Amino acid sequence: MWDTSKDYRLLVAEKSVELFLKTIDGANLKGKWNKKQVLQAAGKMKSEIQILYYSYISPAELAETPQLALLEEQGRGIVDALGGKLWYKQFLELASRDEKEKLEESLAKIKFFINIISGLKSRLNLGEIKDPVMGIDIKKGEILSVSKHPKADKLVVCNVNLQERAITVVTNDLEVKEQNQVAVALLPPEVFMGITSEGMFLGVGEGILKDVKGDLGKLPQSIPLDAFNEARNLVEAFLKL
């Protein structure tokens, strides 16, 4: 029997809902959006996840439950209530220059939550695996551009293509270049001296993996096991917040 109460995918999903609610409460989101609908949908998600916690069925069975379908439906409803597919654009357009740094952090946290919920079924379908990294997505990306961090000489800012969307990743690997094929752990956003990073590159030793195999935007192939160590630690730290 699978212990669903300790499934990292459900643990991270619940924590992401908590992060989302806290972010929505504190963010200065200007524009046309339905805050009441957003909060109601997110509140319902917590109760659905609680039901899944104590179901004690296999991950494959979890993926086909009415509760999982409701989570996905509520996630889509939140996107609609925020303003639709490109919901974040209106908030950025209406923000002042002084507001944008904090706003970008808030928007990244909302995107993280939406991604966790929308990708939950596919992660559950990976099977009975007890590993913190199962709670997040690991995807192959391609680096589109690299620029110096404006406030830190030992950091660079990368724009990374994940096929369905692009994200910003801050790294201390100064050898990273455009067109590098990388593995990205989509972790809770972290701010590095004013720049919000939406994930972390997997690597071994001093550098990141730069020739990752697999399809763009999908789970990368043949990644060394020790490349996941830091991501594991960060997922565990997120769950303790």
C-alpha atoms as a PDB file:
ATOM      1  CA  MET A   1       0.000   0.000   0.000  1.00  0.00           C
ATOM      2  CA  TRP A   2       1.359   3.409  -1.023  1.00  0.00           C
ATOM      3  CA  ASP A   3       1.631   5.928   1.831  1.00  0.00           C
ATOM      4  CA  THR A   4      -0.022   8.921   0.178  1.00  0.00           C
ATOM      5  CA  SER A   5       0.416  11.021   3.332  1.00  0.00           C
ATOM      6  CA  LYS A   6       4.165  11.083   2.615  1.00  0.00           C
ATOM      7  CA  ASP A   7       4.015  11.493  -1.161  1.00  0.00           C
ATOM      8  CA  TYR A   8       6.227  14.479  -1.969  1.00  0.00           C
ATOM      9  CA  ARG A   9       4.012  15.417  -4.905  1.00  0.00           C
ATOM     10  CA  LEU A  10       1.056  16.009  -2.606  1.00  0.00           C
ATOM     11  CA  LEU A  11       3.205  17.662   0.083  1.00  0.00           C
ATOM     12  CA  VAL A  12       4.635  20.177  -2.392  1.00  0.00           C
ATOM     13  CA  ALA A  13       1.201  20.761  -3.941  1.00  0.00           C
ATOM     14  CA  GLU A  14      -0.287  21.671  -0.556  1.00  0.00           C
ATOM     15  CA  LYS A  15       2.671  23.905   0.306  1.00  0.00           C
ATOM     16  CA  SER A  16       2.388  25.638  -3.070  1.00  0.00           C
ATOM     17  CA  VAL A  17      -1.265  26.470  -2.308  1.00  0.00           C
ATOM     18  CA  GLU A  18      -0.171  28.038   0.980  1.00  0.00           C
ATOM     19  CA  LEU A  19       2.530  30.031  -0.839  1.00  0.00           C
ATOM     20  CA  PHE A  20      -0.013  31.163  -3.429  1.00  0.00           C
ATOM     21  CA  LEU A  21      -2.529  32.354  -0.827  1.00  0.00           C
ATOM     22  CA  LYS A  22       0.175  34.267   1.029  1.00  0.00           C
ATOM     23  CA  THR A  23       1.427  35.806  -2.211  1.00  0.00           C
ATOM     24  CA  ILE A  24      -2.036  36.874  -3.370  1.00  0.00           C
ATOM     25  CA  ASP A  25      -2.709  38.435   0.014  1.00  0.00           C
ATOM     26  CA  GLY A  26       0.450  40.543  -0.089  1.00  0.00           C
ATOM     27  CA  ALA A  27       0.888  41.293  -3.793  1.00  0.00           C
ATOM     28  CA  ASN A  28      -0.027  44.616  -5.368  1.00  0.00           C
ATOM     29  CA  LEU A  29      -1.843  43.290  -8.445  1.00  0.00           C
ATOM     30  CA  LYS A  30      -3.305  46.125 -10.463  1.00  0.00           C
ATOM     31  CA  GLY A  31      -5.816  45.432 -13.184  1.00  0.00           C
ATOM     32  CA  LYS A  32      -9.004  43.490 -13.798  1.00  0.00           C
ATOM     33  CA  TRP A  33      -9.070  40.205 -11.931  1.00  0.00           C
ATOM     34  CA  ASN A  34     -11.426  38.393  -9.583  1.00  0.00           C
ATOM     35  CA  LYS A  35      -9.697  38.098  -6.206  1.00  0.00           C
ATOM     36  CA  LYS A  36     -12.717  36.511  -4.518  1.00  0.00           C
ATOM     37  CA  GLN A  37     -12.902  33.730  -7.108  1.00  0.00           C
ATOM     38  CA  VAL A  38      -9.155  33.147  -6.877  1.00  0.00           C
ATOM     39  CA  LEU A  39      -9.214  32.795  -3.082  1.00  0.00           C
ATOM     40  CA  GLN A  40     -12.260  30.528  -3.092  1.00  0.00           C
ATOM     41  CA  ALA A  41     -10.739  28.163  -5.658  1.00  0.00           C
ATOM     42  CA  ALA A  42      -7.415  27.976  -3.808  1.00  0.00           C
ATOM     43  CA  GLY A  43      -9.204  27.336  -0.522  1.00  0.00           C
ATOM     44  CA  LYS A  44     -11.055  24.379  -2.044  1.00  0.00           C
ATOM     45  CA  MET A  45      -7.769  22.945  -3.274  1.00  0.00           C
ATOM     46  CA  LYS A  46      -6.510  22.405   0.258  1.00  0.00           C
ATOM     47  CA  SER A  47      -9.488  20.218   1.155  1.00  0.00           C
ATOM     48  CA  GLU A  48      -9.114  18.167  -2.047  1.00  0.00           C
ATOM     49  CA  ILE A  49      -5.434  17.549  -1.297  1.00  0.00           C
ATOM     50  CA  GLN A  50      -6.319  16.478   2.255  1.00  0.00           C
ATOM     51  CA  ILE A  51      -8.651  13.807   0.836  1.00  0.00           C
ATOM     52  CA  LEU A  52      -5.830  12.544  -1.399  1.00  0.00           C
ATOM     53  CA  TYR A  53      -3.444  12.430   1.590  1.00  0.00           C
ATOM     54  CA  TYR A  54      -5.491   9.742   3.302  1.00  0.00           C
ATOM     55  CA  SER A  55      -6.579   7.709   0.280  1.00  0.00           C
ATOM     56  CA  TYR A  56      -3.617   5.255   0.458  1.00  0.00           C
ATOM     57  CA  ILE A  57      -3.862   4.306  -3.194  1.00  0.00           C
ATOM     58  CA  SER A  58      -1.148   4.112  -5.833  1.00  0.00           C
ATOM     59  CA  PRO A  59       0.118   7.247  -7.611  1.00  0.00           C
ATOM     60  CA  ALA A  60      -1.446   6.003 -10.864  1.00  0.00           C
ATOM     61  CA  GLU A  61      -4.808   5.684  -9.092  1.00  0.00           C
ATOM     62  CA  LEU A  62      -4.357   9.127  -7.491  1.00  0.00           C
ATOM     63  CA  ALA A  63      -3.931  10.585 -10.966  1.00  0.00           C
ATOM     64  CA  GLU A  64      -7.401   9.370 -11.953  1.00  0.00           C
ATOM     65  CA  THR A  65      -9.338  10.447  -8.848  1.00  0.00           C
ATOM     66  CA  PRO A  66     -12.173  13.012  -8.921  1.00  0.00           C
ATOM     67  CA  GLN A  67     -10.126  15.101  -6.475  1.00  0.00           C
ATOM     68  CA  LEU A  68      -7.225  15.393  -8.921  1.00  0.00           C
ATOM     69  CA  ALA A  69      -9.636  16.381 -11.693  1.00  0.00           C
ATOM     70  CA  LEU A  70     -11.111  19.042  -9.401  1.00  0.00           C
ATOM     71  CA  LEU A  71      -7.646  20.388  -8.569  1.00  0.00           C
ATOM     72  CA  GLU A  72      -6.913  20.779 -12.273  1.00  0.00           C
ATOM     73  CA  GLU A  73     -10.290  22.436 -12.849  1.00  0.00           C
ATOM     74  CA  GLN A  74      -9.745  24.862  -9.971  1.00  0.00           C
ATOM     75  CA  GLY A  75      -6.285  25.648 -11.323  1.00  0.00           C
ATOM     76  CA  ARG A  76      -7.741  26.548 -14.706  1.00  0.00           C
ATOM     77  CA  GLY A  77     -10.391  28.628 -12.953  1.00  0.00           C
ATOM     78  CA  ILE A  78      -7.693  30.575 -11.104  1.00  0.00           C
ATOM     79  CA  VAL A  79      -5.904  31.344 -14.378  1.00  0.00           C
ATOM     80  CA  ASP A  80      -9.175  32.615 -15.852  1.00  0.00           C
ATOM     81  CA  ALA A  81      -9.913  34.703 -12.737  1.00  0.00           C
ATOM     82  CA  LEU A  82      -6.436  36.240 -12.907  1.00  0.00           C
ATOM     83  CA  GLY A  83      -7.104  37.387 -16.468  1.00  0.00           C
ATOM     84  CA  GLY A  84      -6.606  34.452 -18.808  1.00  0.00           C
ATOM     85  CA  LYS A  85      -3.640  32.704 -20.425  1.00  0.00           C
ATOM     86  CA  LEU A  86      -1.383  35.781 -20.402  1.00  0.00           C
ATOM     87  CA  TRP A  87      -2.693  36.982 -17.023  1.00  0.00           C
ATOM     88  CA  TYR A  88       0.673  38.255 -15.777  1.00  0.00           C
ATOM     89  CA  LYS A  89       1.145  40.768 -18.612  1.00  0.00           C
ATOM     90  CA  GLN A  90      -1.510  43.198 -17.389  1.00  0.00           C
ATOM     91  CA  PHE A  91       0.046  43.299 -13.927  1.00  0.00           C
ATOM     92  CA  LEU A  92       3.496  44.071 -15.337  1.00  0.00           C
ATOM     93  CA  GLU A  93       2.137  46.718 -17.703  1.00  0.00           C
ATOM     94  CA  LEU A  94       0.318  48.555 -14.910  1.00  0.00           C
ATOM     95  CA  ALA A  95       3.192  48.469 -12.421  1.00  0.00           C
ATOM     96  CA  SER A  96       5.537  51.395 -11.937  1.00  0.00           C
ATOM     97  CA  ARG A  97       9.289  50.953 -12.324  1.00  0.00           C
ATOM     98  CA  ASP A  98       9.713  50.955  -8.547  1.00  0.00           C
ATOM     99  CA  GLU A  99       7.048  48.274  -8.140  1.00  0.00           C
ATOM    100  CA  LYS A 100       8.332  45.849 -10.762  1.00  0.00           C
ATOM    101  CA  GLU A 101      11.092  44.156  -8.784  1.00  0.00           C
ATOM    102  CA  LYS A 102       8.749  43.023  -6.003  1.00  0.00           C
ATOM    103  CA  LEU A 103       5.968  42.297  -8.485  1.00  0.00           C
ATOM    104  CA  GLU A 104       8.168  39.989 -10.564  1.00  0.00           C
ATOM    105  CA  GLU A 105       8.872  37.940  -7.431  1.00  0.00           C
ATOM    106  CA  SER A 106       5.136  37.677  -6.689  1.00  0.00           C
ATOM    107  CA  LEU A 107       4.285  36.703 -10.267  1.00  0.00           C
ATOM    108  CA  ALA A 108       7.006  34.033 -10.254  1.00  0.00           C
ATOM    109  CA  LYS A 109       5.522  32.519  -7.087  1.00  0.00           C
ATOM    110  CA  ILE A 110       2.066  32.456  -8.680  1.00  0.00           C
ATOM    111  CA  LYS A 111       3.477  30.799 -11.812  1.00  0.00           C
ATOM    112  CA  PHE A 112       5.224  28.215  -9.613  1.00  0.00           C
ATOM    113  CA  PHE A 113       1.918  27.359  -7.927  1.00  0.00           C
ATOM    114  CA  ILE A 114       0.048  27.092 -11.243  1.00  0.00           C
ATOM    115  CA  ASN A 115       2.778  24.856 -12.665  1.00  0.00           C
ATOM    116  CA  ILE A 116       2.775  22.576  -9.608  1.00  0.00           C
ATOM    117  CA  ILE A 117      -0.982  22.030  -9.853  1.00  0.00           C
ATOM    118  CA  SER A 118      -1.150  21.656 -13.637  1.00  0.00           C
ATOM    119  CA  GLY A 119       1.762  19.191 -13.676  1.00  0.00           C
ATOM    120  CA  LEU A 120       0.638  17.113 -10.686  1.00  0.00           C
ATOM    121  CA  LYS A 121      -1.003  14.378 -12.753  1.00  0.00           C
ATOM    122  CA  SER A 122       2.046  13.816 -14.946  1.00  0.00           C
ATOM    123  CA  ARG A 123       4.316  13.603 -11.882  1.00  0.00           C
ATOM    124  CA  LEU A 124       1.973  11.097 -10.213  1.00  0.00           C
ATOM    125  CA  ASN A 125       2.061   8.975 -13.352  1.00  0.00           C
ATOM    126  CA  LEU A 126       5.821   8.522 -12.857  1.00  0.00           C
ATOM    127  CA  GLY A 127       4.949   5.929 -10.206  1.00  0.00           C
ATOM    128  CA  GLU A 128       5.863   4.955  -6.653  1.00  0.00           C
ATOM    129  CA  ILE A 129       9.054   6.936  -6.068  1.00  0.00           C
ATOM    130  CA  LYS A 130       9.977   8.324  -2.645  1.00  0.00           C
ATOM    131  CA  ASP A 131      12.166  11.278  -3.566  1.00  0.00           C
ATOM    132  CA  PRO A 132      11.736  15.004  -2.795  1.00  0.00           C
ATOM    133  CA  VAL A 133      12.431  15.958  -6.425  1.00  0.00           C
ATOM    134  CA  MET A 134       9.220  14.163  -7.411  1.00  0.00           C
ATOM    135  CA  GLY A 135       7.377  17.134  -5.955  1.00  0.00           C
ATOM    136  CA  ILE A 136       8.615  19.498  -8.672  1.00  0.00           C
ATOM    137  CA  ASP A 137       9.197  19.411 -12.414  1.00  0.00           C
ATOM    138  CA  ILE A 138      12.628  18.743 -13.891  1.00  0.00           C
ATOM    139  CA  LYS A 139      12.718  19.824 -17.527  1.00  0.00           C
ATOM    140  CA  LYS A 140      15.182  20.102 -20.364  1.00  0.00           C
ATOM    141  CA  GLY A 141      15.703  23.686 -21.433  1.00  0.00           C
ATOM    142  CA  GLU A 142      17.732  25.623 -23.952  1.00  0.00           C
ATOM    143  CA  ILE A 143      19.502  28.829 -22.978  1.00  0.00           C
ATOM    144  CA  LEU A 144      18.333  31.685 -25.181  1.00  0.00           C
ATOM    145  CA  SER A 145      20.448  34.471 -23.698  1.00  0.00           C
ATOM    146  CA  VAL A 146      22.961  35.156 -20.954  1.00  0.00           C
ATOM    147  CA  SER A 147      23.616  38.522 -19.328  1.00  0.00           C
ATOM    148  CA  LYS A 148      25.645  39.779 -16.405  1.00  0.00           C
ATOM    149  CA  HIS A 149      23.790  40.267 -13.160  1.00  0.00           C
ATOM    150  CA  PRO A 150      23.537  44.044 -12.668  1.00  0.00           C
ATOM    151  CA  LYS A 151      24.550  43.850  -8.992  1.00  0.00           C
ATOM    152  CA  ALA A 152      26.749  40.754  -8.714  1.00  0.00           C
ATOM    153  CA  ASP A 153      29.946  40.020 -10.667  1.00  0.00           C
ATOM    154  CA  LYS A 154      29.837  36.304  -9.847  1.00  0.00           C
ATOM    155  CA  LEU A 155      26.288  35.714 -11.130  1.00  0.00           C
ATOM    156  CA  VAL A 156      24.710  35.652 -14.579  1.00  0.00           C
ATOM    157  CA  VAL A 157      21.055  35.845 -15.607  1.00  0.00           C
ATOM    158  CA  CYS A 158      19.797  33.319 -18.154  1.00  0.00           C
ATOM    159  CA  ASN A 159      16.644  33.351 -20.252  1.00  0.00           C
ATOM    160  CA  VAL A 160      15.715  29.689 -20.714  1.00  0.00           C
ATOM    161  CA  ASN A 161      13.332  28.177 -23.261  1.00  0.00           C
ATOM    162  CA  LEU A 162      11.207  25.318 -21.849  1.00  0.00           C
ATOM    163  CA  GLN A 163       9.169  24.910 -25.056  1.00  0.00           C
ATOM    164  CA  GLU A 164       5.820  26.015 -23.579  1.00  0.00           C
ATOM    165  CA  ARG A 165       7.287  29.081 -21.860  1.00  0.00           C
ATOM    166  CA  ALA A 166      10.525  30.827 -21.004  1.00  0.00           C
ATOM    167  CA  ILE A 167      11.860  31.377 -17.488  1.00  0.00           C
ATOM    168  CA  THR A 168      14.630  33.328 -15.794  1.00  0.00           C
ATOM    169  CA  VAL A 169      17.378  31.409 -13.999  1.00  0.00           C
ATOM    170  CA  VAL A 170      20.228  33.006 -12.050  1.00  0.00           C
ATOM    171  CA  THR A 171      23.420  30.939 -11.872  1.00  0.00           C
ATOM    172  CA  ASN A 172      26.995  31.259 -10.625  1.00  0.00           C
ATOM    173  CA  ASP A 173      28.340  29.210 -13.545  1.00  0.00           C
ATOM    174  CA  LEU A 174      30.026  31.941 -15.589  1.00  0.00           C
ATOM    175  CA  GLU A 175      30.811  29.501 -18.412  1.00  0.00           C
ATOM    176  CA  VAL A 176      27.175  29.033 -19.410  1.00  0.00           C
ATOM    177  CA  LYS A 177      26.407  30.051 -23.003  1.00  0.00           C
ATOM    178  CA  GLU A 178      23.553  30.510 -25.426  1.00  0.00           C
ATOM    179  CA  GLN A 179      22.220  27.236 -26.903  1.00  0.00           C
ATOM    180  CA  ASN A 180      23.476  25.148 -23.978  1.00  0.00           C
ATOM    181  CA  GLN A 181      21.084  22.235 -23.391  1.00  0.00           C
ATOM    182  CA  VAL A 182      20.384  22.264 -19.657  1.00  0.00           C
ATOM    183  CA  ALA A 183      18.341  20.473 -16.996  1.00  0.00           C
ATOM    184  CA  VAL A 184      16.224  22.837 -14.912  1.00  0.00           C
ATOM    185  CA  ALA A 185      14.579  22.136 -11.560  1.00  0.00           C
ATOM    186  CA  LEU A 186      11.477  24.344 -11.343  1.00  0.00           C
ATOM    187  CA  LEU A 187      11.829  25.282  -7.685  1.00  0.00           C
ATOM    188  CA  PRO A 188      10.057  27.918  -5.598  1.00  0.00           C
ATOM    189  CA  PRO A 189      11.342  31.295  -6.867  1.00  0.00           C
ATOM    190  CA  GLU A 190      14.304  32.892  -5.121  1.00  0.00           C
ATOM    191  CA  VAL A 191      15.533  36.467  -5.390  1.00  0.00           C
ATOM    192  CA  PHE A 192      19.237  37.078  -5.992  1.00  0.00           C
ATOM    193  CA  MET A 193      19.999  40.757  -5.350  1.00  0.00           C
ATOM    194  CA  GLY A 194      16.883  42.019  -7.092  1.00  0.00           C
ATOM    195  CA  ILE A 195      16.577  39.362  -9.823  1.00  0.00           C
ATOM    196  CA  THR A 196      14.001  36.583  -9.380  1.00  0.00           C
ATOM    197  CA  SER A 197      15.189  33.117 -10.388  1.00  0.00           C
ATOM    198  CA  GLU A 198      12.426  30.656 -11.317  1.00  0.00           C
ATOM    199  CA  GLY A 199      14.548  27.527 -11.125  1.00  0.00           C
ATOM    200  CA  MET A 200      17.983  26.001 -10.741  1.00  0.00           C
ATOM    201  CA  PHE A 201      20.256  24.294 -13.249  1.00  0.00           C
ATOM    202  CA  LEU A 202      21.289  20.762 -12.345  1.00  0.00           C
ATOM    203  CA  GLY A 203      24.996  20.131 -12.234  1.00  0.00           C
ATOM    204  CA  VAL A 204      27.808  18.038 -10.831  1.00  0.00           C
ATOM    205  CA  GLY A 205      30.882  19.521  -9.179  1.00  0.00           C
ATOM    206  CA  GLU A 206      31.639  23.126 -10.087  1.00  0.00           C
ATOM    207  CA  GLY A 207      29.566  23.480 -13.244  1.00  0.00           C
ATOM    208  CA  ILE A 208      26.099  22.825 -14.592  1.00  0.00           C
ATOM    209  CA  LEU A 209      25.170  20.162 -17.145  1.00  0.00           C
ATOM    210  CA  LYS A 210      25.351  21.809 -20.580  1.00  0.00           C
ATOM    211  CA  ASP A 211      24.647  18.979 -23.054  1.00  0.00           C
ATOM    212  CA  VAL A 212      21.512  17.369 -21.676  1.00  0.00           C
ATOM    213  CA  LYS A 213      19.688  14.827 -23.846  1.00  0.00           C
ATOM    214  CA  GLY A 214      15.939  14.536 -24.419  1.00  0.00           C
ATOM    215  CA  ASP A 215      13.075  16.603 -25.767  1.00  0.00           C
ATOM    216  CA  LEU A 216      12.841  20.307 -24.994  1.00  0.00           C
ATOM    217  CA  GLY A 217      10.379  20.975 -22.171  1.00  0.00           C
ATOM    218  CA  LYS A 218      10.263  17.313 -21.125  1.00  0.00           C
ATOM    219  CA  LEU A 219      11.974  15.259 -18.424  1.00  0.00           C
ATOM    220  CA  PRO A 220      15.664  15.138 -19.444  1.00  0.00           C
ATOM    221  CA  GLN A 221      17.453  11.834 -20.034  1.00  0.00           C
ATOM    222  CA  SER A 222      20.499  10.236 -18.371  1.00  0.00           C
ATOM    223  CA  ILE A 223      21.040  12.752 -15.564  1.00  0.00           C
ATOM    224  CA  PRO A 224      23.627  11.681 -12.928  1.00  0.00           C
ATOM    225  CA  LEU A 225      21.902  10.941  -9.624  1.00  0.00           C
ATOM    226  CA  ASP A 226      24.111  13.302  -7.635  1.00  0.00           C
ATOM    227  CA  ALA A 227      23.011  16.187  -9.885  1.00  0.00           C
ATOM    228  CA  PHE A 228      19.670  16.116  -8.045  1.00  0.00           C
ATOM    229  CA  ASN A 229      21.141  16.536  -4.549  1.00  0.00           C
ATOM    230  CA  GLU A 230      20.804  20.316  -4.227  1.00  0.00           C
ATOM    231  CA  ALA A 231      17.285  20.264  -5.670  1.00  0.00           C
ATOM    232  CA  ARG A 232      16.332  17.620  -3.086  1.00  0.00           C
ATOM    233  CA  ASN A 233      17.658  19.818  -0.302  1.00  0.00           C
ATOM    234  CA  LEU A 234      15.759  22.859  -1.572  1.00  0.00           C
ATOM    235  CA  VAL A 235      12.472  20.942  -1.827  1.00  0.00           C
ATOM    236  CA  GLU A 236      12.906  19.718   1.751  1.00  0.00           C
ATOM    237  CA  ALA A 237      13.666  23.283   2.878  1.00  0.00           C
ATOM    238  CA  PHE A 238      10.534  24.562   1.109  1.00  0.00           C
ATOM    239  CA  LEU A 239       8.368  22.017   2.918  1.00  0.00           C
ATOM    240  CA  LYS A 240       9.726  23.178   6.281  1.00  0.00           C
ATOM    241  CA  LEU A 241       8.807  26.835   5.733  1.00  0.00           C
END
